[in-house]
Amino acid sequence: MINKNEWLTVGLITSCHGIKGQLKVKSLSDFEERFLKPGIRWLQKENEPPSKIDLISGFKQPGKETFIVSLKGINTRNHAEQLKKFRILVKTDKLPKLKKEEYHLMELINLEVKNLENDELKTIGKVINLENEKNNLLVIELFKNQKKVLIPFVKEIVPIVDIKNNFLIINPPNGLLEL
């Protein structure tokens, strides 16, 4: 289960947009309202504690997974430049409720990964990270060689997720774990 005192990274500031302090944000969230709806957000520079900031407005760039946002107090391009590579966070107690068989991706980190081999369920690795480009990918570290593999998080390949018992089962196509 999710620790209520943790943070969830929902976006990454990639660059400035224009001269009035707007920022381009790469979304790491399935919930667009995090970049559209005004309210409190948190910014974090690597290895520093998060700081509170108000999101004033935002819009999605047509045809892209990026948003243009305005933050309170960020009014010039120079000020916006200083925020490049900052992460946008929300507190995990602000996470939306999900339907059955829906998961917050952060719940999947550190789950054991099991696979059916010779009619026996074997633990083969653990989820160490998530990639979110066009599709959600689980980054799995295999125990046998510490190799990292990317597994698409789709029902056909990950048919069982058991958050309560801390594991998931994968059914990868032949050769996927060897890539």
N, C-alpha and C. Protein backbone atom coordinates (compact mmCIF):
# COMPACT_ATOMS: atom_id res chain seq x y z
N MET A 1 0.83 -1.19 0.00
CA MET A 1 0.00 0.00 0.00
C MET A 1 0.88 1.26 0.00
N ILE A 2 0.29 2.35 -0.32
CA ILE A 2 1.02 3.61 -0.45
C ILE A 2 1.22 4.24 0.92
N ASN A 3 2.43 4.68 1.19
CA ASN A 3 2.74 5.39 2.42
C ASN A 3 2.24 6.83 2.25
N LYS A 4 1.37 7.27 3.14
CA LYS A 4 0.74 8.58 3.01
C LYS A 4 1.71 9.75 3.18
N ASN A 5 2.92 9.49 3.65
CA ASN A 5 3.89 10.57 3.83
C ASN A 5 4.83 10.72 2.64
N GLU A 6 4.62 9.92 1.61
CA GLU A 6 5.52 9.97 0.46
C GLU A 6 5.01 10.95 -0.58
N TRP A 7 5.84 11.15 -1.56
CA TRP A 7 5.55 12.05 -2.67
C TRP A 7 5.42 11.24 -3.95
N LEU A 8 4.63 11.76 -4.86
CA LEU A 8 4.49 11.16 -6.18
C LEU A 8 4.93 12.19 -7.21
N THR A 9 5.89 11.82 -8.04
CA THR A 9 6.32 12.70 -9.12
C THR A 9 5.29 12.59 -10.24
N VAL A 10 4.69 13.72 -10.61
CA VAL A 10 3.66 13.71 -11.65
C VAL A 10 4.14 14.39 -12.93
N GLY A 11 5.25 15.13 -12.85
CA GLY A 11 5.74 15.81 -14.03
C GLY A 11 7.18 16.25 -13.89
N LEU A 12 7.79 16.54 -15.02
CA LEU A 12 9.17 17.00 -15.05
C LEU A 12 9.22 18.27 -15.90
N ILE A 13 9.75 19.34 -15.32
CA ILE A 13 9.89 20.60 -16.07
C ILE A 13 11.06 20.44 -17.04
N THR A 14 10.75 20.56 -18.33
CA THR A 14 11.78 20.31 -19.34
C THR A 14 12.38 21.58 -19.92
N SER A 15 11.57 22.67 -19.99
CA SER A 15 12.09 23.91 -20.58
C SER A 15 11.13 25.05 -20.32
N CYS A 16 11.53 26.23 -20.78
CA CYS A 16 10.68 27.41 -20.71
C CYS A 16 9.78 27.45 -21.94
N HIS A 17 8.73 28.27 -21.82
CA HIS A 17 7.84 28.48 -22.96
C HIS A 17 7.53 29.97 -23.00
N GLY A 18 8.06 30.66 -23.99
CA GLY A 18 7.80 32.08 -24.11
C GLY A 18 8.64 32.91 -23.15
N ILE A 19 8.23 34.18 -22.98
CA ILE A 19 9.03 35.11 -22.17
C ILE A 19 8.37 35.50 -20.86
N LYS A 20 7.17 34.97 -20.58
CA LYS A 20 6.42 35.38 -19.39
C LYS A 20 6.48 34.37 -18.26
N GLY A 21 7.47 33.48 -18.29
CA GLY A 21 7.66 32.56 -17.17
C GLY A 21 6.90 31.25 -17.27
N GLN A 22 6.27 30.98 -18.40
CA GLN A 22 5.58 29.70 -18.53
C GLN A 22 6.59 28.57 -18.68
N LEU A 23 6.17 27.39 -18.27
CA LEU A 23 7.05 26.23 -18.26
C LEU A 23 6.45 25.09 -19.06
N LYS A 24 7.32 24.35 -19.75
CA LYS A 24 6.89 23.15 -20.46
C LYS A 24 7.13 21.97 -19.51
N VAL A 25 6.09 21.15 -19.33
CA VAL A 25 6.15 20.04 -18.39
C VAL A 25 5.85 18.73 -19.11
N LYS A 26 6.74 17.76 -18.91
CA LYS A 26 6.49 16.41 -19.41
C LYS A 26 5.65 15.69 -18.36
N SER A 27 4.49 15.19 -18.77
CA SER A 27 3.59 14.51 -17.84
C SER A 27 4.07 13.11 -17.53
N LEU A 28 4.04 12.75 -16.25
CA LEU A 28 4.31 11.39 -15.80
C LEU A 28 3.07 10.85 -15.11
N SER A 29 1.93 11.36 -15.48
CA SER A 29 0.67 11.05 -14.82
C SER A 29 -0.42 10.78 -15.86
N ASP A 30 -1.37 9.94 -15.50
CA ASP A 30 -2.53 9.71 -16.34
C ASP A 30 -3.64 10.73 -16.06
N PHE A 31 -3.44 11.60 -15.08
CA PHE A 31 -4.46 12.54 -14.65
C PHE A 31 -4.09 13.95 -15.11
N GLU A 32 -4.66 14.37 -16.24
CA GLU A 32 -4.32 15.66 -16.83
C GLU A 32 -4.63 16.84 -15.93
N GLU A 33 -5.62 16.68 -15.05
CA GLU A 33 -6.01 17.80 -14.19
C GLU A 33 -4.86 18.28 -13.30
N ARG A 34 -3.85 17.46 -13.12
CA ARG A 34 -2.71 17.87 -12.31
C ARG A 34 -1.96 19.05 -12.93
N PHE A 35 -2.16 19.26 -14.22
CA PHE A 35 -1.49 20.35 -14.93
C PHE A 35 -2.47 21.40 -15.44
N LEU A 36 -3.74 21.15 -15.26
CA LEU A 36 -4.77 22.05 -15.77
C LEU A 36 -5.50 22.79 -14.66
N LYS A 37 -5.75 22.13 -13.55
CA LYS A 37 -6.56 22.67 -12.46
C LYS A 37 -5.68 23.46 -11.48
N PRO A 38 -6.00 24.73 -11.23
CA PRO A 38 -5.20 25.52 -10.29
C PRO A 38 -5.18 24.91 -8.89
N GLY A 39 -4.10 25.15 -8.17
CA GLY A 39 -4.00 24.67 -6.80
C GLY A 39 -2.56 24.43 -6.39
N ILE A 40 -2.40 23.89 -5.20
CA ILE A 40 -1.07 23.66 -4.62
C ILE A 40 -0.38 22.49 -5.31
N ARG A 41 0.87 22.71 -5.68
CA ARG A 41 1.76 21.66 -6.17
C ARG A 41 3.07 21.84 -5.40
N TRP A 42 3.95 20.92 -5.61
CA TRP A 42 5.25 20.97 -4.95
C TRP A 42 6.34 20.81 -6.01
N LEU A 43 7.41 21.59 -5.88
CA LEU A 43 8.56 21.49 -6.78
C LEU A 43 9.74 20.92 -6.02
N GLN A 44 10.52 20.10 -6.71
CA GLN A 44 11.70 19.55 -6.06
C GLN A 44 12.87 19.52 -7.03
N LYS A 45 13.95 20.11 -6.57
CA LYS A 45 15.22 20.00 -7.28
C LYS A 45 15.89 18.75 -6.72
N GLU A 46 16.66 18.09 -7.54
CA GLU A 46 17.30 16.84 -7.12
C GLU A 46 18.00 16.99 -5.76
N ASN A 47 17.73 16.04 -4.88
CA ASN A 47 18.34 15.95 -3.54
C ASN A 47 18.01 17.11 -2.61
N GLU A 48 16.97 17.85 -2.90
CA GLU A 48 16.54 18.93 -2.00
C GLU A 48 15.11 18.65 -1.56
N PRO A 49 14.69 19.20 -0.42
CA PRO A 49 13.31 18.98 0.00
C PRO A 49 12.33 19.72 -0.93
N PRO A 50 11.11 19.19 -1.08
CA PRO A 50 10.11 19.85 -1.92
C PRO A 50 9.70 21.21 -1.35
N SER A 51 9.32 22.13 -2.25
CA SER A 51 8.81 23.43 -1.82
C SER A 51 7.44 23.66 -2.47
N LYS A 52 6.56 24.29 -1.71
CA LYS A 52 5.18 24.51 -2.14
C LYS A 52 5.11 25.64 -3.15
N ILE A 53 4.24 25.46 -4.16
CA ILE A 53 4.01 26.50 -5.16
C ILE A 53 2.58 26.37 -5.68
N ASP A 54 2.02 27.49 -6.14
CA ASP A 54 0.66 27.48 -6.69
C ASP A 54 0.70 27.35 -8.20
N LEU A 55 -0.05 26.39 -8.72
CA LEU A 55 -0.28 26.29 -10.16
C LEU A 55 -1.42 27.25 -10.48
N ILE A 56 -1.16 28.21 -11.35
CA ILE A 56 -2.17 29.20 -11.70
C ILE A 56 -3.03 28.70 -12.85
N SER A 57 -2.38 28.18 -13.89
CA SER A 57 -3.12 27.70 -15.06
C SER A 57 -2.24 26.75 -15.86
N GLY A 58 -2.85 26.04 -16.77
CA GLY A 58 -2.11 25.14 -17.64
C GLY A 58 -2.97 24.69 -18.81
N PHE A 59 -2.30 24.26 -19.87
CA PHE A 59 -3.01 23.68 -21.01
C PHE A 59 -2.12 22.62 -21.65
N LYS A 60 -2.78 21.66 -22.29
CA LYS A 60 -2.05 20.58 -22.95
C LYS A 60 -1.68 21.02 -24.36
N GLN A 61 -0.44 20.74 -24.76
CA GLN A 61 -0.03 21.05 -26.13
C GLN A 61 -0.70 20.05 -27.07
N PRO A 62 -1.35 20.54 -28.10
CA PRO A 62 -2.07 19.65 -29.02
C PRO A 62 -1.18 18.56 -29.60
N GLY A 63 -1.65 17.32 -29.51
CA GLY A 63 -0.93 16.19 -30.07
C GLY A 63 0.29 15.73 -29.31
N LYS A 64 0.51 16.27 -28.12
CA LYS A 64 1.70 15.91 -27.35
C LYS A 64 1.32 15.51 -25.93
N GLU A 65 2.27 14.92 -25.23
CA GLU A 65 2.07 14.56 -23.83
C GLU A 65 2.71 15.61 -22.92
N THR A 66 2.80 16.85 -23.40
CA THR A 66 3.39 17.92 -22.60
C THR A 66 2.34 18.99 -22.34
N PHE A 67 2.58 19.72 -21.25
CA PHE A 67 1.69 20.78 -20.82
C PHE A 67 2.48 22.06 -20.69
N ILE A 68 1.82 23.18 -20.87
CA ILE A 68 2.40 24.49 -20.61
C ILE A 68 1.70 25.01 -19.36
N VAL A 69 2.48 25.31 -18.31
CA VAL A 69 1.88 25.74 -17.04
C VAL A 69 2.44 27.08 -16.62
N SER A 70 1.62 27.78 -15.82
CA SER A 70 2.04 29.03 -15.18
C SER A 70 2.00 28.81 -13.68
N LEU A 71 3.11 29.18 -13.02
CA LEU A 71 3.22 29.04 -11.57
C LEU A 71 3.29 30.42 -10.92
N LYS A 72 2.68 30.55 -9.77
CA LYS A 72 2.68 31.82 -9.05
C LYS A 72 4.11 32.27 -8.75
N GLY A 73 4.40 33.54 -9.06
CA GLY A 73 5.71 34.11 -8.77
C GLY A 73 6.75 33.86 -9.85
N ILE A 74 6.42 33.06 -10.85
CA ILE A 74 7.36 32.81 -11.95
C ILE A 74 6.85 33.63 -13.14
N ASN A 75 7.43 34.81 -13.34
CA ASN A 75 6.90 35.77 -14.31
C ASN A 75 7.85 36.11 -15.46
N THR A 76 9.08 35.62 -15.38
CA THR A 76 10.04 35.94 -16.44
C THR A 76 10.70 34.66 -16.94
N ARG A 77 11.21 34.75 -18.15
CA ARG A 77 11.92 33.59 -18.73
C ARG A 77 13.14 33.22 -17.88
N ASN A 78 13.86 34.22 -17.37
CA ASN A 78 15.05 33.94 -16.55
C ASN A 78 14.68 33.14 -15.30
N HIS A 79 13.59 33.52 -14.65
CA HIS A 79 13.15 32.80 -13.46
C HIS A 79 12.74 31.37 -13.84
N ALA A 80 12.03 31.24 -14.97
CA ALA A 80 11.58 29.92 -15.43
C ALA A 80 12.78 29.03 -15.77
N GLU A 81 13.81 29.61 -16.37
CA GLU A 81 15.02 28.85 -16.72
C GLU A 81 15.62 28.14 -15.51
N GLN A 82 15.54 28.77 -14.35
CA GLN A 82 16.11 28.21 -13.12
C GLN A 82 15.37 26.95 -12.66
N LEU A 83 14.17 26.72 -13.18
CA LEU A 83 13.36 25.58 -12.74
C LEU A 83 13.48 24.37 -13.67
N LYS A 84 14.29 24.48 -14.72
CA LYS A 84 14.49 23.34 -15.60
C LYS A 84 15.00 22.15 -14.81
N LYS A 85 14.43 20.98 -15.11
CA LYS A 85 14.77 19.69 -14.48
C LYS A 85 14.19 19.54 -13.08
N PHE A 86 13.41 20.51 -12.60
CA PHE A 86 12.70 20.33 -11.34
C PHE A 86 11.57 19.32 -11.58
N ARG A 87 11.24 18.59 -10.54
CA ARG A 87 10.11 17.66 -10.60
C ARG A 87 8.89 18.31 -9.97
N ILE A 88 7.71 18.01 -10.51
CA ILE A 88 6.45 18.46 -9.92
C ILE A 88 5.88 17.28 -9.15
N LEU A 89 5.58 17.53 -7.88
CA LEU A 89 5.13 16.46 -6.98
C LEU A 89 3.73 16.74 -6.45
N VAL A 90 3.07 15.68 -6.04
CA VAL A 90 1.86 15.77 -5.22
C VAL A 90 2.05 14.82 -4.06
N LYS A 91 1.37 15.09 -2.97
CA LYS A 91 1.42 14.17 -1.83
C LYS A 91 0.58 12.95 -2.15
N THR A 92 1.02 11.80 -1.69
CA THR A 92 0.31 10.57 -2.03
C THR A 92 -1.07 10.50 -1.38
N ASP A 93 -1.33 11.30 -0.36
CA ASP A 93 -2.68 11.28 0.20
C ASP A 93 -3.67 12.05 -0.67
N LYS A 94 -3.18 12.66 -1.75
CA LYS A 94 -4.04 13.39 -2.69
C LYS A 94 -4.29 12.58 -3.97
N LEU A 95 -3.98 11.29 -3.93
CA LEU A 95 -4.16 10.46 -5.12
C LEU A 95 -5.63 10.17 -5.37
N PRO A 96 -6.04 10.19 -6.63
CA PRO A 96 -7.43 9.86 -6.95
C PRO A 96 -7.73 8.40 -6.64
N LYS A 97 -8.98 8.10 -6.32
CA LYS A 97 -9.42 6.73 -6.11
C LYS A 97 -9.49 6.03 -7.46
N LEU A 98 -9.07 4.78 -7.47
CA LEU A 98 -9.07 4.02 -8.71
C LEU A 98 -10.10 2.90 -8.67
N LYS A 99 -10.45 2.42 -9.85
CA LYS A 99 -11.36 1.29 -9.97
C LYS A 99 -10.59 0.00 -9.72
N LYS A 100 -11.33 -1.10 -9.58
CA LYS A 100 -10.71 -2.41 -9.43
C LYS A 100 -9.81 -2.67 -10.63
N GLU A 101 -8.66 -3.27 -10.38
CA GLU A 101 -7.66 -3.59 -11.39
C GLU A 101 -7.03 -2.36 -12.04
N GLU A 102 -7.10 -1.21 -11.35
CA GLU A 102 -6.33 -0.04 -11.74
C GLU A 102 -5.34 0.21 -10.61
N TYR A 103 -4.16 0.71 -10.95
CA TYR A 103 -3.11 0.89 -9.96
C TYR A 103 -2.43 2.24 -10.18
N HIS A 104 -2.00 2.83 -9.09
CA HIS A 104 -1.07 3.94 -9.18
C HIS A 104 0.27 3.29 -9.46
N LEU A 105 0.95 3.75 -10.48
CA LEU A 105 2.18 3.09 -10.89
C LEU A 105 3.21 3.01 -9.77
N MET A 106 3.20 4.01 -8.87
CA MET A 106 4.18 3.96 -7.78
C MET A 106 3.93 2.78 -6.84
N GLU A 107 2.71 2.22 -6.83
CA GLU A 107 2.43 1.05 -6.01
C GLU A 107 3.15 -0.19 -6.53
N LEU A 108 3.57 -0.14 -7.77
CA LEU A 108 4.20 -1.30 -8.40
C LEU A 108 5.70 -1.39 -8.10
N ILE A 109 6.32 -0.27 -7.71
CA ILE A 109 7.75 -0.28 -7.44
C ILE A 109 8.04 -1.18 -6.23
N ASN A 110 9.07 -1.99 -6.36
CA ASN A 110 9.54 -2.96 -5.36
C ASN A 110 8.70 -4.23 -5.28
N LEU A 111 7.71 -4.38 -6.16
CA LEU A 111 6.99 -5.66 -6.19
C LEU A 111 7.91 -6.73 -6.74
N GLU A 112 7.80 -7.95 -6.18
CA GLU A 112 8.52 -9.09 -6.74
C GLU A 112 7.88 -9.45 -8.07
N VAL A 113 8.71 -9.90 -9.00
CA VAL A 113 8.23 -10.30 -10.31
C VAL A 113 8.36 -11.82 -10.40
N LYS A 114 7.24 -12.47 -10.68
CA LYS A 114 7.22 -13.93 -10.79
C LYS A 114 6.84 -14.32 -12.20
N ASN A 115 7.32 -15.51 -12.57
CA ASN A 115 7.07 -16.04 -13.90
C ASN A 115 6.84 -17.54 -13.79
N LEU A 116 5.97 -18.08 -14.64
CA LEU A 116 5.70 -19.51 -14.65
C LEU A 116 6.74 -20.20 -15.52
N GLU A 117 7.59 -21.03 -14.89
CA GLU A 117 8.61 -21.79 -15.61
C GLU A 117 8.44 -23.26 -15.28
N ASN A 118 8.28 -24.10 -16.30
CA ASN A 118 8.08 -25.54 -16.11
C ASN A 118 6.98 -25.84 -15.10
N ASP A 119 5.85 -25.18 -15.27
CA ASP A 119 4.68 -25.34 -14.38
C ASP A 119 4.96 -24.97 -12.93
N GLU A 120 5.99 -24.16 -12.69
CA GLU A 120 6.32 -23.72 -11.33
C GLU A 120 6.47 -22.20 -11.33
N LEU A 121 5.90 -21.55 -10.32
CA LEU A 121 5.99 -20.10 -10.20
C LEU A 121 7.31 -19.73 -9.54
N LYS A 122 8.18 -18.99 -10.26
CA LYS A 122 9.50 -18.63 -9.73
C LYS A 122 9.63 -17.11 -9.68
N THR A 123 10.27 -16.62 -8.61
CA THR A 123 10.57 -15.20 -8.51
C THR A 123 11.81 -14.93 -9.35
N ILE A 124 11.68 -14.03 -10.33
CA ILE A 124 12.80 -13.78 -11.25
C ILE A 124 13.41 -12.39 -11.12
N GLY A 125 12.74 -11.49 -10.37
CA GLY A 125 13.27 -10.14 -10.24
C GLY A 125 12.33 -9.26 -9.44
N LYS A 126 12.57 -7.94 -9.56
CA LYS A 126 11.68 -6.99 -8.90
C LYS A 126 11.54 -5.74 -9.75
N VAL A 127 10.42 -5.05 -9.55
CA VAL A 127 10.17 -3.80 -10.26
C VAL A 127 11.00 -2.71 -9.58
N ILE A 128 11.87 -2.04 -10.34
CA ILE A 128 12.73 -1.02 -9.73
C ILE A 128 12.38 0.39 -10.19
N ASN A 129 11.62 0.50 -11.29
CA ASN A 129 11.29 1.84 -11.77
C ASN A 129 10.17 1.73 -12.80
N LEU A 130 9.75 2.88 -13.30
CA LEU A 130 8.71 2.96 -14.30
C LEU A 130 9.15 3.92 -15.38
N GLU A 131 8.80 3.60 -16.60
CA GLU A 131 9.03 4.49 -17.74
C GLU A 131 7.66 4.83 -18.29
N ASN A 132 7.45 6.09 -18.64
CA ASN A 132 6.15 6.48 -19.14
C ASN A 132 6.35 7.40 -20.34
N GLU A 133 6.57 6.80 -21.48
CA GLU A 133 6.62 7.60 -22.71
C GLU A 133 5.22 7.56 -23.31
N LYS A 134 5.02 6.78 -24.33
CA LYS A 134 3.68 6.62 -24.91
C LYS A 134 2.91 5.54 -24.14
N ASN A 135 3.63 4.55 -23.61
CA ASN A 135 3.03 3.45 -22.87
C ASN A 135 3.71 3.33 -21.51
N ASN A 136 3.02 2.68 -20.58
CA ASN A 136 3.62 2.44 -19.28
C ASN A 136 4.50 1.20 -19.38
N LEU A 137 5.76 1.34 -18.97
CA LEU A 137 6.70 0.23 -18.98
C LEU A 137 7.23 0.03 -17.57
N LEU A 138 7.29 -1.23 -17.14
CA LEU A 138 7.90 -1.55 -15.86
C LEU A 138 9.38 -1.82 -16.11
N VAL A 139 10.25 -1.23 -15.29
CA VAL A 139 11.68 -1.53 -15.35
C VAL A 139 11.91 -2.61 -14.31
N ILE A 140 12.29 -3.79 -14.78
CA ILE A 140 12.47 -4.94 -13.90
C ILE A 140 13.95 -5.31 -13.87
N GLU A 141 14.46 -5.49 -12.66
CA GLU A 141 15.83 -5.98 -12.50
C GLU A 141 15.75 -7.47 -12.27
N LEU A 142 16.39 -8.24 -13.15
CA LEU A 142 16.40 -9.69 -13.04
C LEU A 142 17.43 -10.12 -12.01
N PHE A 143 17.05 -11.07 -11.15
CA PHE A 143 17.96 -11.52 -10.10
C PHE A 143 19.15 -12.28 -10.66
N LYS A 144 18.96 -13.07 -11.73
CA LYS A 144 20.03 -13.95 -12.19
C LYS A 144 21.24 -13.21 -12.74
N ASN A 145 21.05 -12.02 -13.30
CA ASN A 145 22.20 -11.31 -13.88
C ASN A 145 22.17 -9.79 -13.65
N GLN A 146 21.27 -9.31 -12.80
CA GLN A 146 21.09 -7.89 -12.50
C GLN A 146 20.82 -7.05 -13.74
N LYS A 147 20.43 -7.71 -14.82
CA LYS A 147 20.08 -7.01 -16.05
C LYS A 147 18.73 -6.33 -15.87
N LYS A 148 18.59 -5.15 -16.47
CA LYS A 148 17.32 -4.42 -16.41
C LYS A 148 16.59 -4.62 -17.73
N VAL A 149 15.31 -4.99 -17.63
CA VAL A 149 14.49 -5.18 -18.82
C VAL A 149 13.24 -4.33 -18.70
N LEU A 150 12.70 -3.90 -19.83
CA LEU A 150 11.47 -3.12 -19.87
C LEU A 150 10.33 -4.05 -20.27
N ILE A 151 9.29 -4.05 -19.45
CA ILE A 151 8.12 -4.90 -19.69
C ILE A 151 6.91 -4.00 -19.85
N PRO A 152 6.20 -4.10 -20.99
CA PRO A 152 4.97 -3.30 -21.14
C PRO A 152 3.95 -3.69 -20.06
N PHE A 153 3.38 -2.69 -19.42
CA PHE A 153 2.39 -2.95 -18.38
C PHE A 153 1.01 -3.06 -19.03
N VAL A 154 0.78 -4.23 -19.63
CA VAL A 154 -0.50 -4.55 -20.26
C VAL A 154 -0.97 -5.89 -19.73
N LYS A 155 -2.28 -6.08 -19.71
CA LYS A 155 -2.91 -7.27 -19.12
C LYS A 155 -2.37 -8.57 -19.73
N GLU A 156 -2.06 -8.56 -21.03
CA GLU A 156 -1.59 -9.78 -21.69
C GLU A 156 -0.21 -10.21 -21.17
N ILE A 157 0.62 -9.27 -20.78
CA ILE A 157 1.97 -9.59 -20.31
C ILE A 157 2.04 -9.60 -18.79
N VAL A 158 1.24 -8.78 -18.13
CA VAL A 158 1.20 -8.73 -16.66
C VAL A 158 -0.25 -9.06 -16.24
N PRO A 159 -0.59 -10.37 -16.26
CA PRO A 159 -1.99 -10.73 -16.00
C PRO A 159 -2.42 -10.61 -14.54
N ILE A 160 -1.46 -10.70 -13.61
CA ILE A 160 -1.81 -10.68 -12.18
C ILE A 160 -0.94 -9.68 -11.44
N VAL A 161 -1.60 -8.77 -10.72
CA VAL A 161 -0.92 -7.83 -9.83
C VAL A 161 -1.56 -8.01 -8.46
N ASP A 162 -0.73 -8.36 -7.47
CA ASP A 162 -1.22 -8.57 -6.10
C ASP A 162 -0.46 -7.61 -5.18
N ILE A 163 -1.02 -6.40 -5.05
CA ILE A 163 -0.38 -5.36 -4.24
C ILE A 163 -0.28 -5.81 -2.78
N LYS A 164 -1.35 -6.41 -2.28
CA LYS A 164 -1.41 -6.81 -0.87
C LYS A 164 -0.30 -7.81 -0.51
N ASN A 165 0.01 -8.73 -1.43
CA ASN A 165 1.03 -9.74 -1.17
C ASN A 165 2.37 -9.42 -1.84
N ASN A 166 2.48 -8.20 -2.39
CA ASN A 166 3.75 -7.67 -2.87
C ASN A 166 4.36 -8.43 -4.05
N PHE A 167 3.54 -8.83 -5.02
CA PHE A 167 4.11 -9.45 -6.21
C PHE A 167 3.22 -9.22 -7.42
N LEU A 168 3.82 -9.45 -8.58
CA LEU A 168 3.07 -9.51 -9.82
C LEU A 168 3.60 -10.67 -10.64
N ILE A 169 2.77 -11.18 -11.53
CA ILE A 169 3.16 -12.29 -12.39
C ILE A 169 3.21 -11.79 -13.81
N ILE A 170 4.31 -12.14 -14.49
CA ILE A 170 4.42 -11.75 -15.90
C ILE A 170 4.36 -12.98 -16.79
N ASN A 171 3.88 -12.77 -17.98
CA ASN A 171 3.79 -13.80 -19.01
C ASN A 171 4.39 -13.21 -20.28
N PRO A 172 5.74 -13.06 -20.28
CA PRO A 172 6.36 -12.35 -21.41
C PRO A 172 6.41 -13.22 -22.67
N PRO A 173 6.32 -12.60 -23.85
CA PRO A 173 6.52 -13.34 -25.09
C PRO A 173 7.95 -13.88 -25.13
N ASN A 174 8.14 -14.96 -25.86
CA ASN A 174 9.47 -15.56 -25.98
C ASN A 174 10.50 -14.52 -26.39
N GLY A 175 11.62 -14.50 -25.68
CA GLY A 175 12.73 -13.61 -26.01
C GLY A 175 12.69 -12.24 -25.35
N LEU A 176 11.56 -11.84 -24.78
CA LEU A 176 11.45 -10.48 -24.19
C LEU A 176 12.45 -10.29 -23.04
N LEU A 177 12.63 -11.30 -22.20
CA LEU A 177 13.55 -11.17 -21.06
C LEU A 177 15.01 -11.24 -21.48
N GLU A 178 15.28 -11.69 -22.70
CA GLU A 178 16.66 -11.78 -23.18
C GLU A 178 17.11 -10.53 -23.91
N LEU A 179 16.19 -9.60 -24.21
CA LEU A 179 16.57 -8.40 -24.96
C LEU A 179 17.50 -7.51 -24.18
